Amino acid sequence: LGGSAGSFYDGRRVSLRMSPALNISRHVEIRPGYDI
């Protein structure tokens, strides 16, 4: 999980990101990811 905030060239930028991983069982793994 992570994020950043601050100035960006002549403006501003805010970002968030996540990339968790979860094993439902030893047969199924889910790895979603989202960057904004």
PDB file of all heavy atoms in Angstrom:
ATOM      1  N   LEU A   1       0.866  -1.175   0.000  1.00  0.00           N
ATOM      2  CA  LEU A   1       0.000   0.000   0.000  1.00  0.00           C
ATOM      3  C   LEU A   1       0.899   1.219   0.000  1.00  0.00           C
ATOM      4  O   LEU A   1       1.975   1.212   0.614  1.00  0.00           O
ATOM      5  CB  LEU A   1      -0.911   0.025   1.230  1.00  0.00           C
ATOM      6  CG  LEU A   1      -1.788  -1.198   1.493  1.00  0.00           C
ATOM      7  CD1 LEU A   1      -2.418  -1.099   2.874  1.00  0.00           C
ATOM      8  CD2 LEU A   1      -2.873  -1.307   0.424  1.00  0.00           C
ATOM      9  N   GLY A   2       0.475   2.271  -0.664  1.00  0.00           N
ATOM     10  CA  GLY A   2       1.303   3.464  -0.675  1.00  0.00           C
ATOM     11  C   GLY A   2       0.576   4.665  -1.229  1.00  0.00           C
ATOM     12  O   GLY A   2      -0.517   4.561  -1.803  1.00  0.00           O
ATOM     13  N   GLY A   3       1.180   5.814  -1.044  1.00  0.00           N
ATOM     14  CA  GLY A   3       0.611   7.045  -1.562  1.00  0.00           C
ATOM     15  C   GLY A   3       1.623   8.162  -1.501  1.00  0.00           C
ATOM     16  O   GLY A   3       2.651   8.072  -0.815  1.00  0.00           O
ATOM     17  N   SER A   4       1.346   9.223  -2.245  1.00  0.00           N
ATOM     18  CA  SER A   4       2.219  10.391  -2.253  1.00  0.00           C
ATOM     19  C   SER A   4       1.387  11.632  -2.497  1.00  0.00           C
ATOM     20  O   SER A   4       0.287  11.566  -3.062  1.00  0.00           O
ATOM     21  CB  SER A   4       3.310  10.263  -3.330  1.00  0.00           C
ATOM     22  OG  SER A   4       2.732  10.217  -4.624  1.00  0.00           O
ATOM     23  N   ALA A   5       1.913  12.775  -2.073  1.00  0.00           N
ATOM     24  CA  ALA A   5       1.233  14.051  -2.283  1.00  0.00           C
ATOM     25  C   ALA A   5       2.275  15.148  -2.317  1.00  0.00           C
ATOM     26  O   ALA A   5       3.293  15.078  -1.611  1.00  0.00           O
ATOM     27  CB  ALA A   5       0.212  14.312  -1.178  1.00  0.00           C
ATOM     28  N   GLY A   6       2.015  16.167  -3.143  1.00  0.00           N
ATOM     29  CA  GLY A   6       2.938  17.284  -3.205  1.00  0.00           C
ATOM     30  C   GLY A   6       2.765  18.074  -4.484  1.00  0.00           C
ATOM     31  O   GLY A   6       1.827  17.859  -5.267  1.00  0.00           O
ATOM     32  N   SER A   7       3.679  19.000  -4.703  1.00  0.00           N
ATOM     33  CA  SER A   7       3.647  19.798  -5.926  1.00  0.00           C
ATOM     34  C   SER A   7       4.138  18.959  -7.099  1.00  0.00           C
ATOM     35  O   SER A   7       4.897  17.996  -6.931  1.00  0.00           O
ATOM     36  CB  SER A   7       4.508  21.052  -5.762  1.00  0.00           C
ATOM     37  OG  SER A   7       5.815  20.723  -5.332  1.00  0.00           O
ATOM     38  N   PHE A   8       3.687  19.345  -8.301  1.00  0.00           N
ATOM     39  CA  PHE A   8       4.024  18.600  -9.515  1.00  0.00           C
ATOM     40  C   PHE A   8       4.118  19.603 -10.654  1.00  0.00           C
ATOM     41  O   PHE A   8       3.094  20.149 -11.092  1.00  0.00           O
ATOM     42  CB  PHE A   8       2.953  17.548  -9.790  1.00  0.00           C
ATOM     43  CG  PHE A   8       3.270  16.614 -10.926  1.00  0.00           C
ATOM     44  CD1 PHE A   8       4.233  15.630 -10.792  1.00  0.00           C
ATOM     45  CD2 PHE A   8       2.601  16.738 -12.137  1.00  0.00           C
ATOM     46  CE1 PHE A   8       4.527  14.774 -11.829  1.00  0.00           C
ATOM     47  CE2 PHE A   8       2.886  15.882 -13.191  1.00  0.00           C
ATOM     48  CZ  PHE A   8       3.854  14.896 -13.040  1.00  0.00           C
ATOM     49  N   TYR A   9       5.352  19.879 -11.092  1.00  0.00           N
ATOM     50  CA  TYR A   9       5.605  20.953 -12.053  1.00  0.00           C
ATOM     51  C   TYR A   9       4.967  22.230 -11.526  1.00  0.00           C
ATOM     52  O   TYR A   9       5.294  22.652 -10.412  1.00  0.00           O
ATOM     53  CB  TYR A   9       5.140  20.552 -13.454  1.00  0.00           C
ATOM     54  CG  TYR A   9       6.038  19.468 -14.040  1.00  0.00           C
ATOM     55  CD1 TYR A   9       5.718  18.119 -13.904  1.00  0.00           C
ATOM     56  CD2 TYR A   9       7.227  19.795 -14.663  1.00  0.00           C
ATOM     57  CE1 TYR A   9       6.561  17.126 -14.385  1.00  0.00           C
ATOM     58  CE2 TYR A   9       8.079  18.812 -15.162  1.00  0.00           C
ATOM     59  CZ  TYR A   9       7.744  17.476 -15.021  1.00  0.00           C
ATOM     60  OH  TYR A   9       8.582  16.507 -15.486  1.00  0.00           O
ATOM     61  N   ASP A  10       4.021  22.856 -12.240  1.00  0.00           N
ATOM     62  CA  ASP A  10       3.436  24.104 -11.739  1.00  0.00           C
ATOM     63  C   ASP A  10       2.106  23.871 -11.028  1.00  0.00           C
ATOM     64  O   ASP A  10       1.334  24.807 -10.811  1.00  0.00           O
ATOM     65  CB  ASP A  10       3.231  25.092 -12.886  1.00  0.00           C
ATOM     66  CG  ASP A  10       2.393  24.526 -14.020  1.00  0.00           C
ATOM     67  OD1 ASP A  10       2.254  23.285 -14.090  1.00  0.00           O
ATOM     68  OD2 ASP A  10       1.876  25.318 -14.830  1.00  0.00           O
ATOM     69  N   GLY A  11       1.811  22.621 -10.655  1.00  0.00           N
ATOM     70  CA  GLY A  11       0.555  22.315  -9.985  1.00  0.00           C
ATOM     71  C   GLY A  11       0.760  21.347  -8.840  1.00  0.00           C
ATOM     72  O   GLY A  11       1.793  21.357  -8.157  1.00  0.00           O
ATOM     73  N   ARG A  12      -0.235  20.447  -8.650  1.00  0.00           N
ATOM     74  CA  ARG A  12      -0.192  19.487  -7.552  1.00  0.00           C
ATOM     75  C   ARG A  12      -0.585  18.110  -8.068  1.00  0.00           C
ATOM     76  O   ARG A  12      -1.307  17.971  -9.058  1.00  0.00           O
ATOM     77  CB  ARG A  12      -1.160  19.896  -6.432  1.00  0.00           C
ATOM     78  CG  ARG A  12      -0.832  21.211  -5.762  1.00  0.00           C
ATOM     79  CD  ARG A  12      -1.723  21.439  -4.541  1.00  0.00           C
ATOM     80  NE  ARG A  12      -3.129  21.504  -4.896  1.00  0.00           N
ATOM     81  CZ  ARG A  12      -3.774  22.602  -5.272  1.00  0.00           C
ATOM     82  NH1 ARG A  12      -3.096  23.742  -5.341  1.00  0.00           N
ATOM     83  NH2 ARG A  12      -5.057  22.570  -5.566  1.00  0.00           N
ATOM     84  N   ARG A  13      -0.121  17.096  -7.336  1.00  0.00           N
ATOM     85  CA  ARG A  13      -0.510  15.722  -7.642  1.00  0.00           C
ATOM     86  C   ARG A  13      -0.661  14.940  -6.342  1.00  0.00           C
ATOM     87  O   ARG A  13       0.158  15.060  -5.430  1.00  0.00           O
ATOM     88  CB  ARG A  13       0.536  15.022  -8.525  1.00  0.00           C
ATOM     89  CG  ARG A  13       0.181  13.573  -8.876  1.00  0.00           C
ATOM     90  CD  ARG A  13       1.228  12.961  -9.794  1.00  0.00           C
ATOM     91  NE  ARG A  13       2.447  12.622  -9.070  1.00  0.00           N
ATOM     92  CZ  ARG A  13       2.732  11.407  -8.600  1.00  0.00           C
ATOM     93  NH1 ARG A  13       1.859  10.414  -8.756  1.00  0.00           N
ATOM     94  NH2 ARG A  13       3.862  11.177  -7.973  1.00  0.00           N
ATOM     95  N   VAL A  14      -1.712  14.139  -6.278  1.00  0.00           N
ATOM     96  CA  VAL A  14      -1.936  13.221  -5.178  1.00  0.00           C
ATOM     97  C   VAL A  14      -2.126  11.835  -5.777  1.00  0.00           C
ATOM     98  O   VAL A  14      -2.854  11.675  -6.760  1.00  0.00           O
ATOM     99  CB  VAL A  14      -3.169  13.609  -4.338  1.00  0.00           C
ATOM    100  CG1 VAL A  14      -3.413  12.580  -3.235  1.00  0.00           C
ATOM    101  CG2 VAL A  14      -2.992  14.994  -3.736  1.00  0.00           C
ATOM    102  N   SER A  15      -1.467  10.822  -5.210  1.00  0.00           N
ATOM    103  CA  SER A  15      -1.598   9.473  -5.748  1.00  0.00           C
ATOM    104  C   SER A  15      -1.791   8.476  -4.618  1.00  0.00           C
ATOM    105  O   SER A  15      -1.285   8.665  -3.510  1.00  0.00           O
ATOM    106  CB  SER A  15      -0.373   9.088  -6.580  1.00  0.00           C
ATOM    107  OG  SER A  15       0.742   8.852  -5.748  1.00  0.00           O
ATOM    108  N   LEU A  16      -2.534   7.426  -4.904  1.00  0.00           N
ATOM    109  CA  LEU A  16      -2.716   6.293  -4.007  1.00  0.00           C
ATOM    110  C   LEU A  16      -2.542   5.022  -4.819  1.00  0.00           C
ATOM    111  O   LEU A  16      -2.922   4.976  -5.998  1.00  0.00           O
ATOM    112  CB  LEU A  16      -4.104   6.313  -3.360  1.00  0.00           C
ATOM    113  CG  LEU A  16      -4.405   7.450  -2.391  1.00  0.00           C
ATOM    114  CD1 LEU A  16      -5.882   7.419  -1.995  1.00  0.00           C
ATOM    115  CD2 LEU A  16      -3.526   7.355  -1.152  1.00  0.00           C
ATOM    116  N   ARG A  17      -1.977   4.000  -4.214  1.00  0.00           N
ATOM    117  CA  ARG A  17      -1.806   2.732  -4.917  1.00  0.00           C
ATOM    118  C   ARG A  17      -1.928   1.584  -3.921  1.00  0.00           C
ATOM    119  O   ARG A  17      -1.603   1.728  -2.735  1.00  0.00           O
ATOM    120  CB  ARG A  17      -0.453   2.666  -5.627  1.00  0.00           C
ATOM    121  CG  ARG A  17       0.734   2.667  -4.695  1.00  0.00           C
ATOM    122  CD  ARG A  17       2.054   2.697  -5.439  1.00  0.00           C
ATOM    123  NE  ARG A  17       3.189   2.600  -4.543  1.00  0.00           N
ATOM    124  CZ  ARG A  17       3.708   3.612  -3.876  1.00  0.00           C
ATOM    125  NH1 ARG A  17       3.190   4.831  -4.007  1.00  0.00           N
ATOM    126  NH2 ARG A  17       4.740   3.436  -3.073  1.00  0.00           N
ATOM    127  N   MET A  18      -2.407   0.465  -4.401  1.00  0.00           N
ATOM    128  CA  MET A  18      -2.482  -0.723  -3.569  1.00  0.00           C
ATOM    129  C   MET A  18      -2.365  -1.950  -4.456  1.00  0.00           C
ATOM    130  O   MET A  18      -2.828  -1.960  -5.594  1.00  0.00           O
ATOM    131  CB  MET A  18      -3.790  -0.765  -2.774  1.00  0.00           C
ATOM    132  CG  MET A  18      -5.032  -0.867  -3.615  1.00  0.00           C
ATOM    133  SD  MET A  18      -6.499  -1.049  -2.573  1.00  0.00           S
ATOM    134  CE  MET A  18      -7.773  -1.278  -3.834  1.00  0.00           C
ATOM    135  N   SER A  19      -1.739  -2.984  -3.923  1.00  0.00           N
ATOM    136  CA  SER A  19      -1.592  -4.248  -4.652  1.00  0.00           C
ATOM    137  C   SER A  19      -1.607  -5.395  -3.649  1.00  0.00           C
ATOM    138  O   SER A  19      -0.569  -6.027  -3.418  1.00  0.00           O
ATOM    139  CB  SER A  19      -0.312  -4.259  -5.483  1.00  0.00           C
ATOM    140  OG  SER A  19       0.812  -3.989  -4.654  1.00  0.00           O
ATOM    141  N   PRO A  20      -2.753  -5.653  -3.020  1.00  0.00           N
ATOM    142  CA  PRO A  20      -2.833  -6.745  -2.047  1.00  0.00           C
ATOM    143  C   PRO A  20      -2.887  -8.103  -2.732  1.00  0.00           C
ATOM    144  O   PRO A  20      -3.140  -8.209  -3.941  1.00  0.00           O
ATOM    145  CB  PRO A  20      -4.138  -6.447  -1.303  1.00  0.00           C
ATOM    146  CG  PRO A  20      -4.980  -5.748  -2.316  1.00  0.00           C
ATOM    147  CD  PRO A  20      -4.025  -4.944  -3.157  1.00  0.00           C
ATOM    148  N   ALA A  21      -2.677  -9.146  -1.958  1.00  0.00           N
ATOM    149  CA  ALA A  21      -2.798 -10.526  -2.437  1.00  0.00           C
ATOM    150  C   ALA A  21      -3.471 -11.335  -1.338  1.00  0.00           C
ATOM    151  O   ALA A  21      -3.139 -11.197  -0.156  1.00  0.00           O
ATOM    152  CB  ALA A  21      -1.426 -11.113  -2.767  1.00  0.00           C
ATOM    153  N   LEU A  22      -4.426 -12.167  -1.746  1.00  0.00           N
ATOM    154  CA  LEU A  22      -5.206 -12.940  -0.792  1.00  0.00           C
ATOM    155  C   LEU A  22      -5.424 -14.334  -1.342  1.00  0.00           C
ATOM    156  O   LEU A  22      -5.827 -14.503  -2.494  1.00  0.00           O
ATOM    157  CB  LEU A  22      -6.560 -12.264  -0.538  1.00  0.00           C
ATOM    158  CG  LEU A  22      -7.568 -13.032   0.316  1.00  0.00           C
ATOM    159  CD1 LEU A  22      -7.050 -13.184   1.739  1.00  0.00           C
ATOM    160  CD2 LEU A  22      -8.915 -12.335   0.303  1.00  0.00           C
ATOM    161  N   ASN A  23      -5.151 -15.337  -0.519  1.00  0.00           N
ATOM    162  CA  ASN A  23      -5.424 -16.722  -0.893  1.00  0.00           C
ATOM    163  C   ASN A  23      -6.747 -17.158  -0.276  1.00  0.00           C
ATOM    164  O   ASN A  23      -6.858 -17.287   0.948  1.00  0.00           O
ATOM    165  CB  ASN A  23      -4.293 -17.642  -0.429  1.00  0.00           C
ATOM    166  CG  ASN A  23      -3.062 -17.518  -1.294  1.00  0.00           C
ATOM    167  OD1 ASN A  23      -2.205 -16.682  -1.022  1.00  0.00           O
ATOM    168  ND2 ASN A  23      -2.990 -18.320  -2.341  1.00  0.00           N
ATOM    169  N   ILE A  24      -7.751 -17.381  -1.137  1.00  0.00           N
ATOM    170  CA  ILE A  24      -9.037 -17.880  -0.677  1.00  0.00           C
ATOM    171  C   ILE A  24      -8.866 -19.303  -0.143  1.00  0.00           C
ATOM    172  O   ILE A  24      -9.465 -19.696   0.850  1.00  0.00           O
ATOM    173  CB  ILE A  24     -10.068 -17.851  -1.812  1.00  0.00           C
ATOM    174  CG1 ILE A  24     -10.172 -16.440  -2.392  1.00  0.00           C
ATOM    175  CG2 ILE A  24     -11.424 -18.341  -1.334  1.00  0.00           C
ATOM    176  CD1 ILE A  24     -10.595 -15.391  -1.391  1.00  0.00           C
ATOM    177  N   SER A  25      -8.049 -20.067  -0.814  1.00  0.00           N
ATOM    178  CA  SER A  25      -7.657 -21.404  -0.394  1.00  0.00           C
ATOM    179  C   SER A  25      -6.315 -21.672  -1.048  1.00  0.00           C
ATOM    180  O   SER A  25      -5.760 -20.805  -1.726  1.00  0.00           O
ATOM    181  CB  SER A  25      -8.698 -22.447  -0.834  1.00  0.00           C
ATOM    182  OG  SER A  25      -8.643 -22.650  -2.243  1.00  0.00           O
ATOM    183  N   ARG A  26      -5.783 -22.875  -0.876  1.00  0.00           N
ATOM    184  CA  ARG A  26      -4.513 -23.175  -1.537  1.00  0.00           C
ATOM    185  C   ARG A  26      -4.697 -23.382  -3.031  1.00  0.00           C
ATOM    186  O   ARG A  26      -3.720 -23.553  -3.758  1.00  0.00           O
ATOM    187  CB  ARG A  26      -3.857 -24.396  -0.916  1.00  0.00           C
ATOM    188  CG  ARG A  26      -4.630 -25.697  -1.034  1.00  0.00           C
ATOM    189  CD  ARG A  26      -3.824 -26.831  -0.441  1.00  0.00           C
ATOM    190  NE  ARG A  26      -4.474 -28.125  -0.591  1.00  0.00           N
ATOM    191  CZ  ARG A  26      -3.853 -29.277  -0.437  1.00  0.00           C
ATOM    192  NH1 ARG A  26      -2.574 -29.303  -0.132  1.00  0.00           N
ATOM    193  NH2 ARG A  26      -4.494 -30.415  -0.586  1.00  0.00           N
ATOM    194  N   HIS A  27      -5.949 -23.336  -3.511  1.00  0.00           N
ATOM    195  CA  HIS A  27      -6.235 -23.491  -4.937  1.00  0.00           C
ATOM    196  C   HIS A  27      -6.508 -22.158  -5.636  1.00  0.00           C
ATOM    197  O   HIS A  27      -6.421 -22.084  -6.862  1.00  0.00           O
ATOM    198  CB  HIS A  27      -7.445 -24.412  -5.140  1.00  0.00           C
ATOM    199  CG  HIS A  27      -7.272 -25.784  -4.579  1.00  0.00           C
ATOM    200  ND1 HIS A  27      -6.470 -26.725  -5.179  1.00  0.00           N
ATOM    201  CD2 HIS A  27      -7.786 -26.373  -3.473  1.00  0.00           C
ATOM    202  CE1 HIS A  27      -6.496 -27.852  -4.466  1.00  0.00           C
ATOM    203  NE2 HIS A  27      -7.286 -27.656  -3.426  1.00  0.00           N
ATOM    204  N   VAL A  28      -6.889 -21.117  -4.878  1.00  0.00           N
ATOM    205  CA  VAL A  28      -7.323 -19.856  -5.489  1.00  0.00           C
ATOM    206  C   VAL A  28      -6.582 -18.690  -4.847  1.00  0.00           C
ATOM    207  O   VAL A  28      -6.563 -18.561  -3.614  1.00  0.00           O
ATOM    208  CB  VAL A  28      -8.841 -19.655  -5.337  1.00  0.00           C
ATOM    209  CG1 VAL A  28      -9.262 -18.330  -5.991  1.00  0.00           C
ATOM    210  CG2 VAL A  28      -9.605 -20.812  -5.951  1.00  0.00           C
ATOM    211  N   GLU A  29      -5.991 -17.847  -5.689  1.00  0.00           N
ATOM    212  CA  GLU A  29      -5.333 -16.628  -5.217  1.00  0.00           C
ATOM    213  C   GLU A  29      -5.863 -15.439  -6.001  1.00  0.00           C
ATOM    214  O   GLU A  29      -5.998 -15.487  -7.224  1.00  0.00           O
ATOM    215  CB  GLU A  29      -3.813 -16.720  -5.392  1.00  0.00           C
ATOM    216  CG  GLU A  29      -3.080 -15.474  -4.901  1.00  0.00           C
ATOM    217  CD  GLU A  29      -1.577 -15.589  -5.012  1.00  0.00           C
ATOM    218  OE1 GLU A  29      -1.044 -15.342  -6.110  1.00  0.00           O
ATOM    219  OE2 GLU A  29      -0.947 -15.934  -3.996  1.00  0.00           O
ATOM    220  N   ILE A  30      -6.157 -14.352  -5.288  1.00  0.00           N
ATOM    221  CA  ILE A  30      -6.643 -13.110  -5.897  1.00  0.00           C
ATOM    222  C   ILE A  30      -5.619 -12.016  -5.625  1.00  0.00           C
ATOM    223  O   ILE A  30      -5.204 -11.811  -4.479  1.00  0.00           O
ATOM    224  CB  ILE A  30      -8.016 -12.709  -5.325  1.00  0.00           C
ATOM    225  CG1 ILE A  30      -9.048 -13.808  -5.596  1.00  0.00           C
ATOM    226  CG2 ILE A  30      -8.489 -11.395  -5.929  1.00  0.00           C
ATOM    227  CD1 ILE A  30     -10.399 -13.529  -4.971  1.00  0.00           C
ATOM    228  N   ARG A  31      -5.229 -11.291  -6.674  1.00  0.00           N
ATOM    229  CA  ARG A  31      -4.274 -10.193  -6.536  1.00  0.00           C
ATOM    230  C   ARG A  31      -4.815  -8.963  -7.266  1.00  0.00           C
ATOM    231  O   ARG A  31      -4.474  -8.713  -8.420  1.00  0.00           O
ATOM    232  CB  ARG A  31      -2.904 -10.585  -7.095  1.00  0.00           C
ATOM    233  CG  ARG A  31      -2.268 -11.774  -6.417  1.00  0.00           C
ATOM    234  CD  ARG A  31      -0.801 -11.939  -6.779  1.00  0.00           C
ATOM    235  NE  ARG A  31      -0.557 -11.922  -8.203  1.00  0.00           N
ATOM    236  CZ  ARG A  31      -0.693 -12.954  -9.020  1.00  0.00           C
ATOM    237  NH1 ARG A  31      -1.118 -14.121  -8.531  1.00  0.00           N
ATOM    238  NH2 ARG A  31      -0.444 -12.857 -10.293  1.00  0.00           N
ATOM    239  N   PRO A  32      -5.666  -8.167  -6.600  1.00  0.00           N
ATOM    240  CA  PRO A  32      -6.128  -6.931  -7.232  1.00  0.00           C
ATOM    241  C   PRO A  32      -5.064  -5.842  -7.124  1.00  0.00           C
ATOM    242  O   PRO A  32      -4.171  -5.900  -6.272  1.00  0.00           O
ATOM    243  CB  PRO A  32      -7.376  -6.571  -6.421  1.00  0.00           C
ATOM    244  CG  PRO A  32      -7.110  -7.155  -5.069  1.00  0.00           C
ATOM    245  CD  PRO A  32      -6.278  -8.396  -5.290  1.00  0.00           C
ATOM    246  N   GLY A  33      -5.177  -4.840  -7.972  1.00  0.00           N
ATOM    247  CA  GLY A  33      -4.280  -3.698  -7.908  1.00  0.00           C
ATOM    248  C   GLY A  33      -4.988  -2.460  -8.410  1.00  0.00           C
ATOM    249  O   GLY A  33      -5.823  -2.532  -9.327  1.00  0.00           O
ATOM    250  N   TYR A  34      -4.679  -1.332  -7.789  1.00  0.00           N
ATOM    251  CA  TYR A  34      -5.354  -0.094  -8.192  1.00  0.00           C
ATOM    252  C   TYR A  34      -4.426   1.084  -7.939  1.00  0.00           C
ATOM    253  O   TYR A  34      -3.890   1.238  -6.836  1.00  0.00           O
ATOM    254  CB  TYR A  34      -6.656   0.083  -7.419  1.00  0.00           C
ATOM    255  CG  TYR A  34      -7.457   1.303  -7.807  1.00  0.00           C
ATOM    256  CD1 TYR A  34      -7.910   1.478  -9.114  1.00  0.00           C
ATOM    257  CD2 TYR A  34      -7.760   2.287  -6.868  1.00  0.00           C
ATOM    258  CE1 TYR A  34      -8.641   2.588  -9.473  1.00  0.00           C
ATOM    259  CE2 TYR A  34      -8.495   3.405  -7.215  1.00  0.00           C
ATOM    260  CZ  TYR A  34      -8.930   3.555  -8.521  1.00  0.00           C
ATOM    261  OH  TYR A  34      -9.655   4.665  -8.881  1.00  0.00           O
ATOM    262  N   ASP A  35      -4.219   1.905  -8.967  1.00  0.00           N
ATOM    263  CA  ASP A  35      -3.451   3.141  -8.864  1.00  0.00           C
ATOM    264  C   ASP A  35      -4.344   4.292  -9.297  1.00  0.00           C
ATOM    265  O   ASP A  35      -4.979   4.228 -10.365  1.00  0.00           O
ATOM    266  CB  ASP A  35      -2.219   3.110  -9.779  1.00  0.00           C
ATOM    267  CG  ASP A  35      -1.203   2.063  -9.373  1.00  0.00           C
ATOM    268  OD1 ASP A  35      -1.505   1.267  -8.467  1.00  0.00           O
ATOM    269  OD2 ASP A  35      -0.112   2.038  -9.965  1.00  0.00           O
ATOM    270  N   ILE A  36      -4.381   5.356  -8.497  1.00  0.00           N
ATOM    271  CA  ILE A  36      -5.152   6.536  -8.853  1.00  0.00           C
ATOM    272  C   ILE A  36      -4.264   7.759  -8.691  1.00  0.00           C
ATOM    273  O   ILE A  36      -3.512   7.870  -7.718  1.00  0.00           O
ATOM    274  CB  ILE A  36      -6.437   6.656  -8.001  1.00  0.00           C
ATOM    275  CG1 ILE A  36      -7.240   7.894  -8.421  1.00  0.00           C
ATOM    276  CG2 ILE A  36      -6.128   6.664  -6.505  1.00  0.00           C
ATOM    277  CD1 ILE A  36      -8.600   7.973  -7.778  1.00  0.00           C
TER     278      ILE A  36
END
